[in-house]
Amino acid sequence: MATSLALTRLYLDKATLIWNGNAVSGLDALNNFFDTLPSSEFQVNMLDCQPVHEQATQSQTTVLVVTSGTVKFDGNKQHFFNQNFLLTAQSTPNNTVWKIASDCFRFQDWSSS
C-alpha cells in the first residue's frame, strides 16, 4: 500500500515502534504493520518538543516529540492516545533530513467504572 510506504520513509532503517507494548523493528516489519492498520482519524490536542542532550545520543542531534489526542479507527469508538517520537537529524553534504529513531504509541483510555 502506498500510504504505508510513505510512512516508513519517515523512519530510520533500524527504527523501533512500540505500539501498545508490542515492538515492531525495521522498515519491512513497519511497512507490514502499517498495512494492517485500519483507516483512522487523529486529533492532536497537545504537542511538545524538547532537544535531547548530546551526551545521551552520542552527539547526534535529536529531538523528543511528545503528543497526545484522540484517534478513531474505521469509525469505531474514540480512544485517547499518547505518542512519543525520537527524531534524529541525518546529514548529507547537500541537506539534513529528520528521521524517526524510536516511536512509542499507547492508548490512554480510562476504565468507565
C-alpha atoms as a PDB file:
ATOM      1  CA  MET A   1       0.000   0.000   0.000  1.00  0.00           C
ATOM      2  CA  ALA A   2       1.407   3.397  -0.959  1.00  0.00           C
ATOM      3  CA  THR A   3       0.456   5.037   2.339  1.00  0.00           C
ATOM      4  CA  SER A   4       2.450   2.587   4.459  1.00  0.00           C
ATOM      5  CA  LEU A   5       5.497   3.002   2.195  1.00  0.00           C
ATOM      6  CA  ALA A   6       5.242   6.763   2.633  1.00  0.00           C
ATOM      7  CA  LEU A   7       5.074   6.317   6.420  1.00  0.00           C
ATOM      8  CA  THR A   8       8.082   4.023   6.594  1.00  0.00           C
ATOM      9  CA  ARG A   9      10.191   6.599   4.724  1.00  0.00           C
ATOM     10  CA  LEU A  10       9.924   8.729   7.891  1.00  0.00           C
ATOM     11  CA  TYR A  11      11.788   6.073   9.942  1.00  0.00           C
ATOM     12  CA  LEU A  12      15.453   5.106  10.216  1.00  0.00           C
ATOM     13  CA  ASP A  13      16.277   1.685   8.750  1.00  0.00           C
ATOM     14  CA  LYS A  14      16.615   0.151  12.239  1.00  0.00           C
ATOM     15  CA  ALA A  15      13.880   2.189  13.945  1.00  0.00           C
ATOM     16  CA  THR A  16      11.569   0.623  16.515  1.00  0.00           C
ATOM     17  CA  LEU A  17       7.878   1.322  17.024  1.00  0.00           C
ATOM     18  CA  ILE A  18       6.283   0.243  20.299  1.00  0.00           C
ATOM     19  CA  TRP A  19       2.519   0.018  19.708  1.00  0.00           C
ATOM     20  CA  ASN A  20       0.625  -0.550  22.954  1.00  0.00           C
ATOM     21  CA  GLY A  21       3.542  -2.570  24.325  1.00  0.00           C
ATOM     22  CA  ASN A  22       4.259  -4.543  21.134  1.00  0.00           C
ATOM     23  CA  ALA A  23       7.603  -3.905  19.406  1.00  0.00           C
ATOM     24  CA  VAL A  24       7.973  -3.600  15.630  1.00  0.00           C
ATOM     25  CA  SER A  25      11.522  -3.068  14.307  1.00  0.00           C
ATOM     26  CA  GLY A  26      12.946  -2.474  10.855  1.00  0.00           C
ATOM     27  CA  LEU A  27      11.418  -0.972   7.731  1.00  0.00           C
ATOM     28  CA  ASP A  28       9.891  -4.199   6.359  1.00  0.00           C
ATOM     29  CA  ALA A  29       8.186  -5.003   9.658  1.00  0.00           C
ATOM     30  CA  LEU A  30       6.985  -1.388  10.000  1.00  0.00           C
ATOM     31  CA  ASN A  31       5.573  -1.455   6.473  1.00  0.00           C
ATOM     32  CA  ASN A  32       3.744  -4.730   7.184  1.00  0.00           C
ATOM     33  CA  PHE A  33       2.410  -3.346  10.480  1.00  0.00           C
ATOM     34  CA  PHE A  34       1.126  -0.115   8.907  1.00  0.00           C
ATOM     35  CA  ASP A  35      -0.595  -2.178   6.181  1.00  0.00           C
ATOM     36  CA  THR A  36      -2.620  -3.974   8.887  1.00  0.00           C
ATOM     37  CA  LEU A  37      -3.953  -0.790  10.493  1.00  0.00           C
ATOM     38  CA  PRO A  38      -7.461   0.282   9.503  1.00  0.00           C
ATOM     39  CA  SER A  39      -8.115   3.801   8.282  1.00  0.00           C
ATOM     40  CA  SER A  40      -8.052   6.342  11.112  1.00  0.00           C
ATOM     41  CA  GLU A  41      -8.855   9.886  12.139  1.00  0.00           C
ATOM     42  CA  PHE A  42      -6.446  11.560  14.576  1.00  0.00           C
ATOM     43  CA  GLN A  43      -6.910  14.771  16.522  1.00  0.00           C
ATOM     44  CA  VAL A  44      -3.773  16.083  18.223  1.00  0.00           C
ATOM     45  CA  ASN A  45      -4.602  18.006  21.416  1.00  0.00           C
ATOM     46  CA  MET A  46      -1.061  18.558  22.738  1.00  0.00           C
ATOM     47  CA  LEU A  47       2.367  18.706  21.117  1.00  0.00           C
ATOM     48  CA  ASP A  48       5.677  19.418  22.831  1.00  0.00           C
ATOM     49  CA  CYS A  49       9.272  19.204  21.563  1.00  0.00           C
ATOM     50  CA  GLN A  50      12.484  19.157  23.584  1.00  0.00           C
ATOM     51  CA  PRO A  51      16.109  18.732  22.488  1.00  0.00           C
ATOM     52  CA  VAL A  52      17.865  15.637  23.812  1.00  0.00           C
ATOM     53  CA  HIS A  53      21.268  16.333  25.359  1.00  0.00           C
ATOM     54  CA  GLU A  54      24.102  15.235  23.065  1.00  0.00           C
ATOM     55  CA  GLN A  55      25.673  13.141  25.843  1.00  0.00           C
ATOM     56  CA  ALA A  56      22.593  10.885  25.723  1.00  0.00           C
ATOM     57  CA  THR A  57      22.708  10.499  21.926  1.00  0.00           C
ATOM     58  CA  GLN A  58      26.443  10.212  21.199  1.00  0.00           C
ATOM     59  CA  SER A  59      26.493  13.773  19.796  1.00  0.00           C
ATOM     60  CA  GLN A  60      23.664  13.006  17.356  1.00  0.00           C
ATOM     61  CA  THR A  61      21.238  15.939  17.015  1.00  0.00           C
ATOM     62  CA  THR A  62      17.978  14.538  18.447  1.00  0.00           C
ATOM     63  CA  VAL A  63      14.603  15.951  19.486  1.00  0.00           C
ATOM     64  CA  LEU A  64      11.954  14.313  21.685  1.00  0.00           C
ATOM     65  CA  VAL A  65       8.411  14.935  20.423  1.00  0.00           C
ATOM     66  CA  VAL A  66       5.542  14.238  22.837  1.00  0.00           C
ATOM     67  CA  THR A  67       1.950  14.326  21.649  1.00  0.00           C
ATOM     68  CA  SER A  68      -1.497  13.289  22.825  1.00  0.00           C
ATOM     69  CA  GLY A  69      -5.006  13.411  21.455  1.00  0.00           C
ATOM     70  CA  THR A  70      -7.761  11.149  20.186  1.00  0.00           C
ATOM     71  CA  VAL A  71      -7.997   8.565  17.413  1.00  0.00           C
ATOM     72  CA  LYS A  72     -10.865   6.673  15.794  1.00  0.00           C
ATOM     73  CA  PHE A  73     -10.187   3.584  13.672  1.00  0.00           C
ATOM     74  CA  ASP A  74     -12.709   2.773  10.911  1.00  0.00           C
ATOM     75  CA  GLY A  75     -15.464   4.669  12.714  1.00  0.00           C
ATOM     76  CA  ASN A  76     -15.086   2.675  15.950  1.00  0.00           C
ATOM     77  CA  LYS A  77     -15.156   4.330  19.349  1.00  0.00           C
ATOM     78  CA  GLN A  78     -12.731   7.134  20.050  1.00  0.00           C
ATOM     79  CA  HIS A  79      -9.556   6.348  22.021  1.00  0.00           C
ATOM     80  CA  PHE A  80      -7.258   8.744  23.845  1.00  0.00           C
ATOM     81  CA  PHE A  81      -3.594   8.234  22.994  1.00  0.00           C
ATOM     82  CA  ASN A  82      -0.069   9.370  23.882  1.00  0.00           C
ATOM     83  CA  GLN A  83       2.758   9.135  21.382  1.00  0.00           C
ATOM     84  CA  ASN A  84       6.460   9.911  21.807  1.00  0.00           C
ATOM     85  CA  PHE A  85       8.989  10.129  18.980  1.00  0.00           C
ATOM     86  CA  LEU A  86      12.740  10.499  18.972  1.00  0.00           C
ATOM     87  CA  LEU A  87      13.642  12.416  15.812  1.00  0.00           C
ATOM     88  CA  THR A  88      17.267  12.439  14.731  1.00  0.00           C
ATOM     89  CA  ALA A  89      18.979  14.587  12.115  1.00  0.00           C
ATOM     90  CA  GLN A  90      20.559  12.672   9.234  1.00  0.00           C
ATOM     91  CA  SER A  91      23.027  14.967   7.464  1.00  0.00           C
ATOM     92  CA  THR A  92      24.362  14.573   3.939  1.00  0.00           C
ATOM     93  CA  PRO A  93      26.615  17.007   2.088  1.00  0.00           C
ATOM     94  CA  ASN A  94      23.518  18.545   0.445  1.00  0.00           C
ATOM     95  CA  ASN A  95      20.893  18.633   3.207  1.00  0.00           C
ATOM     96  CA  THR A  96      19.615  17.423   6.575  1.00  0.00           C
ATOM     97  CA  VAL A  97      16.691  15.021   6.849  1.00  0.00           C
ATOM     98  CA  TRP A  98      14.920  14.256  10.136  1.00  0.00           C
ATOM     99  CA  LYS A  99      14.045  10.591  10.711  1.00  0.00           C
ATOM    100  CA  ILE A 100      12.198   8.743  13.477  1.00  0.00           C
ATOM    101  CA  ALA A 101      14.617   6.621  15.516  1.00  0.00           C
ATOM    102  CA  SER A 102      12.078   5.487  18.109  1.00  0.00           C
ATOM    103  CA  ASP A 103       8.288   5.743  18.302  1.00  0.00           C
ATOM    104  CA  CYS A 104       6.095   4.783  21.252  1.00  0.00           C
ATOM    105  CA  PHE A 105       2.284   4.823  20.874  1.00  0.00           C
ATOM    106  CA  ARG A 106      -0.141   3.902  23.647  1.00  0.00           C
ATOM    107  CA  PHE A 107      -3.898   4.121  24.126  1.00  0.00           C
ATOM    108  CA  GLN A 108      -4.760   6.031  27.325  1.00  0.00           C
ATOM    109  CA  ASP A 109      -8.367   5.034  27.865  1.00  0.00           C
ATOM    110  CA  TRP A 110      -9.573   5.043  31.453  1.00  0.00           C
ATOM    111  CA  SER A 111     -11.971   2.468  32.810  1.00  0.00           C
ATOM    112  CA  SER A 112     -15.529   3.764  32.994  1.00  0.00           C
ATOM    113  CA  SER A 113     -16.128   2.126  36.390  1.00  0.00           C
END
